[in-house]
Protein backbone atom coordinates (compact mmCIF):
# COMPACT_ATOMS: atom_id res chain seq x y z
CA MET A 1 37.22 71.75 97.71
CA GLU A 2 37.78 71.48 93.98
CA THR A 3 41.02 70.12 92.62
CA VAL A 4 42.87 72.80 90.74
CA GLN A 5 46.09 71.70 89.06
CA GLN A 6 49.08 69.54 89.76
CA HIS A 7 51.77 72.22 90.02
CA HIS A 8 51.52 75.01 92.61
CA PRO A 9 50.22 78.19 90.92
CA ASP A 10 51.74 81.61 91.52
CA TYR A 11 48.40 83.29 92.30
CA ASP A 12 45.18 82.46 94.08
CA VAL A 13 43.22 84.56 91.56
CA VAL A 14 44.04 86.02 88.14
CA ILE A 15 41.82 88.84 86.88
CA SER A 16 40.94 89.50 83.24
CA TYR A 17 39.24 92.81 82.37
CA ALA A 18 39.06 95.56 79.76
CA GLY A 19 40.80 98.84 80.47
CA GLU A 20 37.48 100.69 80.48
CA ASP A 21 36.36 98.49 83.41
CA ARG A 22 39.46 99.03 85.56
CA GLU A 23 37.50 100.65 88.42
CA TYR A 24 35.62 97.39 89.00
CA ALA A 25 38.80 95.32 88.84
CA GLU A 26 40.55 97.61 91.33
CA LYS A 27 37.70 97.32 93.84
CA LEU A 28 37.86 93.53 93.71
CA VAL A 29 41.65 93.48 93.86
CA ASN A 30 41.62 95.68 96.97
CA ALA A 31 38.98 93.53 98.66
CA LEU A 32 40.87 90.31 97.88
CA GLN A 33 44.24 91.64 98.99
CA GLN A 34 42.76 92.75 102.31
CA GLU A 35 42.01 89.05 102.82
CA SER A 36 45.59 88.08 101.89
CA VAL A 37 44.49 86.56 98.57
CA SER A 38 47.35 86.70 96.05
CA VAL A 39 46.11 88.32 92.85
CA PHE A 40 47.52 88.78 89.36
CA TYR A 41 46.42 92.27 88.35
CA ASP A 42 48.34 93.71 85.42
CA GLN A 43 48.63 97.17 86.98
CA GLN A 44 50.56 95.64 89.89
CA ALA A 45 52.65 93.29 87.73
CA ILE A 46 54.59 95.71 85.56
CA ASP A 47 57.93 94.24 86.69
CA ARG A 48 56.83 90.75 85.74
CA LEU A 49 55.48 91.77 82.34
CA ALA A 50 58.30 94.15 81.36
CA ALA A 51 60.42 92.96 78.43
CA GLN A 52 58.43 89.72 78.21
CA PRO A 53 56.69 88.46 75.06
CA LEU A 54 53.17 89.43 76.05
CA PRO A 55 51.14 86.85 74.08
CA GLU A 56 53.05 83.90 75.52
CA THR A 57 53.35 85.39 79.01
CA LEU A 58 49.68 86.29 79.33
CA ARG A 59 48.57 82.96 77.88
CA ASP A 60 50.61 81.16 80.53
CA ILE A 61 49.35 83.39 83.34
CA PHE A 62 45.67 83.02 82.52
CA GLU A 63 45.85 79.31 81.74
CA ASN A 64 48.31 78.05 84.34
CA GLN A 65 49.28 80.56 87.02
CA GLY A 66 46.05 81.00 88.98
CA ARG A 67 43.89 78.76 91.10
CA TYR A 68 40.86 80.66 89.76
CA CYS A 69 40.26 83.24 87.06
CA VAL A 70 37.77 86.12 87.40
CA VAL A 71 36.56 87.44 84.04
CA PHE A 72 34.86 90.87 84.02
CA LEU A 73 32.44 90.54 81.09
CA SER A 74 31.25 93.74 79.36
CA LYS A 75 30.79 95.11 75.87
CA HIS A 76 34.34 96.48 76.11
CA TYR A 77 35.75 93.10 77.14
CA LEU A 78 34.37 91.29 74.10
CA GLU A 79 35.68 93.94 71.71
CA LYS A 80 39.35 93.76 72.75
CA ARG A 81 41.93 91.46 71.22
CA TRP A 82 43.93 90.97 74.43
CA THR A 83 40.95 90.14 76.59
CA ARG A 84 39.67 87.67 74.01
CA GLU A 85 43.10 85.99 74.11
CA GLU A 86 43.03 85.91 77.93
CA LEU A 87 39.55 84.35 77.86
CA LYS A 88 40.70 81.76 75.32
CA ALA A 89 43.60 80.79 77.62
CA ALA A 90 41.33 80.58 80.66
CA LEU A 91 38.84 78.38 78.83
CA ALA A 92 41.66 76.04 77.83
CA ARG A 93 42.22 75.51 81.55
CA VAL A 94 38.53 74.74 82.09
CA GLU A 95 39.03 71.50 80.17
CA ARG A 96 41.02 70.16 83.14
CA THR A 97 39.72 72.38 86.00
CA LYS A 98 35.95 72.69 85.64
CA ALA A 99 35.35 75.46 88.15
CA TYR A 100 38.35 77.56 87.14
CA VAL A 101 36.55 80.55 85.55
CA LEU A 102 34.23 82.83 87.52
CA PRO A 103 32.47 85.27 85.13
CA VAL A 104 31.29 88.59 86.57
CA VAL A 105 28.86 90.45 84.29
CA LEU A 106 29.13 94.24 84.45
CA ASP A 107 26.42 95.34 82.00
CA GLU A 108 23.75 93.94 79.70
CA THR A 109 26.27 92.05 77.57
CA VAL A 110 25.14 88.66 76.36
CA VAL A 111 27.26 85.94 77.94
CA PRO A 112 29.38 84.22 75.22
CA ASP A 113 28.40 80.71 74.24
CA GLN A 114 31.61 79.30 75.76
CA LEU A 115 30.48 80.50 79.21
CA THR A 116 26.78 79.67 79.15
CA ASP A 117 27.35 76.45 81.10
CA ILE A 118 29.26 78.30 83.87
CA ALA A 119 27.44 80.00 86.73
CA PHE A 120 28.19 83.72 86.79
CA LEU A 121 27.81 86.65 89.17
CA ASN A 122 26.30 90.02 88.40
CA TRP A 123 28.26 93.03 89.71
CA LYS A 124 25.13 95.07 90.43
CA ALA A 125 23.81 92.33 92.72
CA HIS A 126 27.04 91.10 94.30
CA HIS A 127 29.77 93.77 94.28
CA ALA A 128 33.36 93.23 95.48
CA GLU A 129 32.51 92.05 99.00
CA LYS A 130 30.21 89.21 97.90
CA ILE A 131 32.55 88.13 95.11
CA THR A 132 35.41 88.08 97.63
CA GLU A 133 33.42 85.85 99.95
CA VAL A 134 32.62 83.48 97.07
CA LEU A 135 36.30 83.28 96.14
CA LEU A 136 37.41 82.71 99.74
CA LYS A 137 35.10 79.71 99.94
CA LYS A 138 36.28 78.40 96.57
CA LEU A 139 39.86 78.74 97.81
CA GLY A 140 38.96 76.56 100.79
CA ARG A 141 39.45 79.25 103.41
CA SER A 142 38.13 78.42 106.87
CA TYR A 143 38.35 82.00 108.15
CA ARG A 144 38.70 85.57 107.07
CA TRP A 145 41.98 86.89 108.49
CA THR A 146 41.97 90.61 109.26
CA GLU A 147 45.09 92.58 110.09
CA ILE A 148 44.62 94.93 113.05
CA SER A 149 46.71 97.90 114.11
CA VAL A 150 48.54 97.54 117.43
CA GLN A 151 50.97 100.19 118.69
CA ALA A 152 53.72 99.30 121.14
CA GLY A 153 56.48 101.44 122.58
CA LYS A 154 57.99 104.53 121.01
CA THR A 155 60.61 102.81 118.90
CA LYS A 156 60.65 103.14 115.12
CA ASP A 157 62.50 99.84 114.84
CA PRO A 158 60.65 96.68 113.78
CA ILE A 159 58.34 95.20 116.41
CA THR A 160 57.86 91.47 116.80
CA PHE A 161 54.57 90.32 118.33
CA THR A 162 55.39 86.98 119.92
CA ASP A 163 52.40 85.50 121.79
CA ILE A 164 48.88 86.15 123.04
CA GLY A 165 46.75 84.83 125.90
CA TRP A 166 43.06 85.27 126.68
CA ILE A 167 40.51 85.11 129.48
CA GLY A 168 37.21 86.01 127.83
CA ASP A 169 37.56 89.48 126.26
CA GLU A 170 40.65 90.22 128.34
CA GLY A 171 43.96 89.51 126.66
CA TRP A 172 47.72 89.95 126.96
CA LEU A 173 50.05 90.40 123.99
CA SER A 174 53.82 89.92 124.34
CA VAL A 175 56.34 91.93 122.34
CA ALA A 176 60.04 91.91 121.50
CA PHE A 177 61.56 95.21 120.34
CA HIS A 178 65.27 94.43 120.29
CA ILE A 179 66.62 90.91 120.70
CA GLY A 180 70.20 90.63 121.87
CA GLY A 181 72.46 87.87 120.67
CA GLY A 182 76.06 86.75 121.00
CA TYR A 183 76.91 89.24 123.75
CA GLY A 184 75.93 92.65 125.10
CA PRO A 185 72.40 93.75 126.10
CA VAL A 186 69.70 91.06 126.06
CA GLY A 187 67.29 93.54 124.47
CA ASP A 188 63.90 94.87 125.50
CA GLY A 189 60.23 94.08 125.12
CA ALA A 190 56.76 94.83 126.41
CA LEU A 191 53.47 93.29 127.51
CA LEU A 192 50.23 94.80 126.20
CA HIS A 193 46.75 94.42 127.71
CA THR A 194 43.23 94.64 126.28
CA SER A 195 39.84 94.38 127.95
CA ASP A 196 37.69 94.75 124.82
CA GLY A 197 38.61 91.68 122.81
CA GLY A 198 41.63 93.25 121.12
CA ASN A 199 40.07 96.42 119.73
CA SER A 200 42.37 98.59 121.86
CA TRP A 201 45.62 97.85 123.69
CA HIS A 202 47.77 99.58 126.29
CA GLU A 203 51.25 98.79 127.52
CA ILE A 204 51.78 97.50 131.05
CA ASP A 205 54.34 99.64 132.89
CA LYS A 206 57.64 97.75 132.64
CA ARG A 207 58.66 99.11 136.04
CA LEU A 208 56.17 96.63 137.52
CA PHE A 209 58.45 93.74 136.49
CA PRO A 210 61.03 93.13 139.26
CA SER A 211 63.76 92.26 136.79
CA ARG A 212 66.66 93.92 138.60
CA ALA A 213 69.77 94.63 136.50
CA GLY A 214 73.26 93.28 136.12
CA GLU A 215 75.62 91.16 134.07
CA PHE A 216 76.08 87.45 133.50
CA THR A 217 78.10 85.07 131.38
CA TRP A 218 76.31 82.37 129.44
CA GLY A 219 76.39 78.74 130.54
CA PRO A 220 77.87 77.29 133.74
CA GLN A 221 81.34 77.84 132.28
CA GLY A 222 80.29 80.34 129.65
CA SER A 223 82.52 83.04 128.22
CA ARG A 224 79.98 85.34 126.54
CA SER A 225 79.07 88.35 128.63
CA TYR A 226 75.53 89.79 128.71
CA GLU A 227 73.86 92.63 130.54
CA TRP A 228 70.26 93.52 131.36
CA ASP A 229 68.41 96.39 132.96
CA GLU A 230 64.74 95.47 132.37
CA VAL A 231 62.47 92.48 131.69
CA GLY A 232 63.83 92.18 128.14
CA PRO A 233 62.07 90.65 125.10
CA ILE A 234 58.97 88.67 126.10
CA PHE A 235 58.38 85.57 123.99
CA ALA A 236 55.43 83.77 125.57
CA VAL A 237 52.38 84.63 127.66
CA THR A 238 49.57 82.53 129.06
CA ALA A 239 46.70 83.28 131.45
CA TYR A 240 44.45 81.27 133.75
CA GLN A 241 41.33 82.22 135.72
CA ARG A 242 41.61 80.42 139.05
CA HIS A 243 38.33 79.54 140.75
CA GLY A 244 37.46 81.99 143.50
CA LYS A 245 40.03 84.58 142.42
CA PRO A 246 38.81 87.97 141.14
CA ARG A 247 41.67 88.48 138.66
CA PRO A 248 43.46 86.12 136.26
CA GLU A 249 46.84 84.56 136.87
CA ILE A 250 49.41 85.37 134.17
CA TRP A 251 52.77 83.81 133.30
CA ILE A 252 55.34 85.15 130.84
CA ALA A 253 58.63 83.77 129.49
CA ALA A 254 61.26 86.42 128.80
CA SER A 255 64.95 86.86 128.14
CA THR A 256 65.53 87.59 131.84
CA GLY A 257 63.40 84.80 133.33
CA VAL A 258 59.86 83.62 133.96
CA TYR A 259 57.51 86.08 135.67
CA THR A 260 54.03 85.65 137.11
CA SER A 261 51.18 87.88 138.23
CA GLN A 262 48.36 86.77 140.52
CA ASP A 263 46.25 89.92 140.03
CA GLY A 264 45.77 90.29 136.29
CA GLY A 265 49.02 92.16 135.70
CA ALA A 266 48.77 94.82 138.41
CA SER A 267 51.87 93.43 140.14
CA TRP A 268 54.52 90.89 139.15
CA HIS A 269 56.90 88.41 140.73
CA MET A 270 60.04 86.91 139.19
CA SER A 271 59.43 83.19 139.52
CA THR A 272 62.81 81.92 138.33
CA PRO A 273 66.16 82.83 139.87
CA GLY A 274 67.83 85.63 137.94
CA PRO A 275 70.07 85.48 134.87
CA ASP A 276 73.11 85.79 137.16
CA ASP A 277 72.19 82.61 139.05
CA ASP A 278 74.71 79.77 138.69
CA TRP A 279 72.23 78.08 136.31
CA ARG A 280 71.61 81.21 134.25
CA TYR A 281 67.80 81.44 134.14
CA ALA A 282 67.60 83.48 130.93
CA PHE A 283 66.64 83.41 127.24
CA PHE A 284 63.30 81.62 127.62
CA PHE A 285 61.11 81.13 124.53
CA ASN A 286 58.04 79.24 125.70
CA LEU A 287 56.25 77.66 128.63
CA ALA A 288 53.47 75.17 129.44
CA SER A 289 51.65 74.18 132.62
CA VAL A 290 50.27 71.06 134.29
CA GLU A 291 46.87 71.19 136.04
CA ALA A 292 46.27 74.92 136.34
CA PHE A 293 49.90 75.89 136.94
CA SER A 294 50.54 73.46 139.75
CA GLU A 295 53.67 72.79 137.67
CA VAL A 296 55.33 74.79 134.91
CA TYR A 297 57.85 73.88 132.21
CA ALA A 298 59.89 76.62 130.53
CA VAL A 299 62.18 76.18 127.52
CA GLY A 300 64.85 78.20 125.77
CA TRP A 301 68.61 78.35 125.40
CA GLN A 302 69.01 77.11 128.96
CA GLY A 303 67.22 73.89 128.01
CA ILE A 304 64.12 72.62 129.84
CA SER A 305 63.38 73.95 133.33
CA HIS A 306 60.68 72.83 135.74
CA TRP A 307 58.83 74.43 138.66
CA SER A 308 56.29 72.92 141.02
CA LYS A 309 53.98 74.75 143.38
CA ALA A 310 54.62 72.14 146.06
CA ALA A 311 58.39 72.73 146.14
CA ASN A 312 58.19 76.35 144.95
CA GLN A 313 61.56 76.12 143.25
CA TRP A 314 63.02 75.72 139.77
CA ASN A 315 65.44 73.13 138.51
CA VAL A 316 66.98 72.56 135.09
CA GLN A 317 65.84 69.10 134.03
CA LEU A 318 67.58 69.12 130.63
CA PRO A 319 70.45 71.63 130.38
CA THR A 320 71.56 72.67 126.88
CA PHE A 321 72.94 76.25 126.93
CA TYR A 322 74.62 75.94 123.51
CA TYR A 323 71.57 74.94 121.47
CA PRO A 324 67.93 75.92 121.95
CA ILE A 325 64.79 74.09 123.00
CA SER A 326 62.06 76.18 121.42
CA GLY A 327 58.68 74.49 121.92
CA ILE A 328 56.90 72.65 124.74
CA HIS A 329 53.45 71.08 125.02
CA VAL A 330 51.56 69.30 127.81
CA LEU A 331 48.52 67.05 127.43
CA GLY A 332 46.88 65.39 130.43
CA GLY A 333 46.95 65.87 134.19
CA SER A 334 49.47 65.36 136.93
CA GLU A 335 49.49 61.54 136.93
CA ASN A 336 48.85 60.90 133.21
CA ARG A 337 50.70 63.83 131.69
CA ASN A 338 52.36 63.73 128.30
CA VAL A 339 55.07 66.38 128.02
CA TRP A 340 56.83 66.98 124.70
CA ALA A 341 59.52 69.46 123.68
CA VAL A 342 61.34 70.27 120.43
CA GLY A 343 64.50 72.07 119.40
CA ARG A 344 67.87 70.83 118.29
CA ALA A 345 69.60 67.53 118.99
CA GLY A 346 72.75 69.03 120.50
CA GLU A 347 74.83 66.44 118.72
CA ASP A 348 73.18 64.56 115.87
CA GLU A 349 74.08 61.21 114.31
CA THR A 350 76.28 62.86 111.69
CA GLY A 351 78.39 64.63 114.31
CA ASN A 352 76.99 68.13 113.86
CA TRP A 353 77.01 70.00 117.15
CA GLY A 354 75.08 72.84 118.76
CA SER A 355 73.30 75.10 116.30
CA ASP A 356 74.58 72.96 113.43
CA SER A 357 72.70 69.93 114.73
CA HIS A 358 69.33 69.07 113.25
CA GLY A 359 65.97 68.92 114.98
CA ALA A 360 65.02 66.72 117.91
CA ILE A 361 61.89 65.72 119.82
CA TYR A 362 62.11 65.14 123.57
CA TYR A 363 59.65 63.24 125.78
CA LEU A 364 59.38 63.31 129.58
CA LYS A 365 59.46 59.74 130.82
CA PRO A 366 56.73 58.54 133.20
CA PRO A 367 56.07 57.75 135.98
CA ASP A 368 58.57 59.99 137.79
CA PHE A 369 58.54 62.74 135.14
CA THR A 370 62.08 63.83 135.90
CA GLU A 371 64.05 62.32 132.98
CA TRP A 372 63.89 63.52 129.38
CA GLN A 373 64.58 61.14 126.53
CA ARG A 374 65.34 62.07 122.94
CA CYS A 375 63.03 60.28 120.52
CA ASP A 376 64.44 58.09 117.78
CA LEU A 377 63.90 60.10 114.59
CA SER A 378 66.21 58.00 112.43
CA ALA A 379 63.34 57.62 109.93
CA ILE A 380 63.39 61.38 109.31
CA ASP A 381 65.74 62.70 106.62
CA PHE A 382 66.86 65.93 108.26
CA LYS A 383 69.06 68.47 106.54
CA LYS A 384 72.02 69.97 108.36
CA ALA A 385 70.89 72.50 111.01
CA GLN A 386 67.20 71.91 110.18
CA ALA A 387 65.70 72.58 113.61
CA LEU A 388 62.23 71.87 114.97
CA SER A 389 60.37 74.86 116.38
CA ASP A 390 57.03 73.77 117.86
CA ILE A 391 55.13 70.65 118.86
CA ILE A 392 51.56 69.73 119.77
CA MET A 393 49.94 66.54 121.01
CA ILE A 394 46.51 66.38 119.39
CA ASP A 395 45.42 63.26 121.28
CA PRO A 396 47.24 60.54 123.27
CA ASP A 397 48.22 58.78 120.04
CA THR A 398 49.11 61.71 117.73
CA VAL A 399 51.96 64.24 117.89
CA VAL A 400 52.84 66.87 115.27
CA ALA A 401 55.99 69.01 115.09
CA VAL A 402 57.12 71.66 112.60
CA GLY A 403 60.40 73.38 111.83
CA GLY A 404 62.94 74.67 109.35
CA GLN A 405 62.46 74.56 105.58
CA GLY A 406 58.81 73.62 105.94
CA ILE A 407 59.41 70.28 107.66
CA ILE A 408 56.40 68.62 109.30
CA VAL A 409 56.92 65.57 111.53
CA LEU A 410 53.98 63.31 112.41
CA GLY A 411 54.16 60.80 115.25
CA ARG A 412 51.72 57.91 115.73
CA ARG A 413 51.70 55.77 118.87
CA GLN A 414 51.68 52.03 118.19
CA LYS A 415 50.21 49.31 120.43
CA SER A 416 53.66 48.44 121.74
CA GLU A 417 54.04 52.04 123.01
CA ARG A 418 56.52 52.53 120.19
CA TRP A 419 56.15 55.68 118.11
CA ASP A 420 56.32 55.75 114.32
CA TRP A 421 57.60 59.02 112.86
CA SER A 422 57.03 60.29 109.31
CA THR A 423 57.13 63.52 107.32
CA PRO A 424 53.86 64.40 105.57
CA THR A 425 54.21 66.34 102.34
CA SER A 426 54.62 70.02 103.13
CA PRO A 427 53.24 72.68 100.74
CA THR A 428 56.05 75.10 101.68
CA GLU A 429 59.81 75.33 102.00
CA SER A 430 59.56 78.31 104.35
CA ASP A 431 60.55 77.83 107.99
CA LEU A 432 57.58 76.99 110.22
CA TYR A 433 57.51 78.33 113.77
CA SER A 434 54.20 77.64 115.51
CA LEU A 435 51.28 75.21 115.75
CA SER A 436 47.75 75.66 117.07
CA LEU A 437 44.53 73.65 117.11
CA SER A 438 41.10 75.07 116.20
CA PRO A 439 37.81 73.11 116.45
CA ASN A 440 38.12 71.86 112.86
CA ALA A 441 41.78 72.12 111.85
CA LEU A 442 45.43 72.10 112.85
CA TRP A 443 47.34 75.27 111.91
CA ALA A 444 50.99 76.16 111.27
CA VAL A 445 52.57 79.54 110.49
CA GLY A 446 56.04 80.62 109.47
CA ASP A 447 58.37 82.61 107.29
CA ARG A 448 57.31 84.58 104.18
CA GLY A 449 53.73 84.96 105.39
CA VAL A 450 52.86 81.27 105.16
CA VAL A 451 49.75 79.93 106.90
CA LEU A 452 49.06 76.18 106.57
CA LYS A 453 46.20 74.02 107.78
CA SER A 454 45.46 70.33 108.12
CA MET A 455 41.87 69.07 108.21
CA ASP A 456 42.88 65.47 109.05
CA ARG A 457 44.98 65.82 112.22
CA GLY A 458 48.29 66.46 110.55
CA THR A 459 48.23 63.80 107.83
CA THR A 460 47.85 66.15 104.87
CA TRP A 461 48.43 69.90 104.64
CA GLU A 462 47.34 72.76 102.41
CA THR A 463 48.07 76.47 102.19
CA GLU A 464 45.37 78.59 103.79
CA LEU A 465 47.02 81.83 102.69
CA ILE A 466 50.29 83.62 102.04
CA LYS A 467 50.10 86.91 103.89
CA GLN A 468 51.33 89.84 101.83
CA GLN A 469 51.28 93.33 103.26
CA SER A 470 50.42 96.51 101.35
CA ASN A 471 54.13 97.25 100.78
CA GLY A 472 54.57 93.86 99.11
CA ASN A 473 56.45 92.28 102.02
CA LYS A 474 55.61 88.78 103.19
CA PRO A 475 56.14 89.01 106.96
CA VAL A 476 57.58 86.41 109.29
CA LEU A 477 54.69 84.88 111.24
CA ARG A 478 55.88 83.73 114.68
CA ARG A 479 52.83 82.42 116.51
CA THR A 480 49.32 81.14 115.99
CA ARG A 481 46.82 80.73 118.83
CA PHE A 482 43.19 79.59 118.86
CA SER A 483 40.51 79.74 121.50
CA GLY A 484 37.50 78.06 119.94
CA HIS A 485 37.02 79.66 116.53
CA GLN A 486 38.78 82.85 117.60
CA GLY A 487 42.24 82.66 116.07
CA TRP A 488 45.23 84.98 116.17
CA ILE A 489 48.38 85.09 114.06
CA LEU A 490 51.34 87.17 115.25
CA GLY A 491 54.68 88.04 113.75
CA ASP A 492 57.12 90.73 112.72
CA GLY A 493 55.09 93.93 112.75
CA ILE A 494 51.78 92.12 112.27
CA VAL A 495 48.72 90.99 114.26
CA MET A 496 45.83 89.20 112.55
CA ARG A 497 42.60 87.81 113.96
CA SER A 498 40.07 85.46 112.43
CA ALA A 499 36.39 85.65 111.59
CA LYS A 500 34.54 82.47 110.69
CA LEU A 501 33.33 82.32 107.11
């Protein structure tokens, strides 16, 4: 991918056109924005341009504020003072960024001498769709990300899509409608099902979840009182097709416990004890399995809990209660497993406690796999309360974690079994919440619509896109999942799926 400029530009693409050619510009802008490409288009930037000295502002925008500049050449374009000034500014950038300008010829206009050495596109031959594809490749995109419409529940309140699991074209999508906190109701959620690859979804009847109802106080000696009357918000879902079984096995992590179905979601069983158990099995965020769910780890505000098929019971291996463990990952089988978790430290080296403590990485010690140790992250310069949210082990010698304020933590195993921890440069200061691995990249998503990727196993990172919705909002992206080249990004009111470029 071509090097653009040293500082981070405000826009992926800036568009220069004459007013008479606005219809062409609008078609391209619409096509680009559907692909979450950030565009400077003067008709959508009135607030930015208002009361500003236009010559200086436009010169800066067209020379410095885009990664690429599309110039709509026509007889009208070459006649206008402002467009000639915009072209002059863009060409000044070409001196340091050779592939910066992409001319699009709209009519029989002779291409100006300054552009004769630059390859151009012809609108009649290429149109908005082809030009969009060219720009996506120039921007280094690996996929086209398409937002799809998914309806859940009857509430008008914001919906958070939290996780997705697949067996072929059959999938399950978890949802949180209302998330309780502090005290009172734990909230409510839903689980959606598709059998056509995500083109249509329907909600699984929540009465199938044997959640019971009641009240509990938080922590073994907790004082905060909660109540529940359904499964509650569902934060994680995963599925597995067991050999010889006609229907998939499904596991979910919810605010009222961990549930499982052995028949593709037709019936459900509460795997954990209830929230009113002495150990308060509630407020789970994530889960991971060992060897086809012969063992399961679940994490959340309770800490880290473990279940084995052999014993058929749960135990809390690392209790926290007053600070969360948010991510868990397993690589390897029963005897050679590597199990990692992330969250907060509980009490960090500066004395901050609970939710004021900074991030921590936990590792399950072999060979008994019953004791969790907190990794030495003294080399990491954490800020106060800067938590870690997710973790993934790419191979036996490489671990990557992400968290608050854009932090990325990279772990490399040394020959002495010691781990070296570092923080690669992050292209964002937005909180990062989730990691996923595709065949050619490592992905992270987070706040303000940010989607990052690493093509070198977590060493360096770049922005794939900043998702902006039609209303101008940049949504919180909570989860990314890949199965081969099929990727999904989920968040507050949004579901996106990938198509390979």
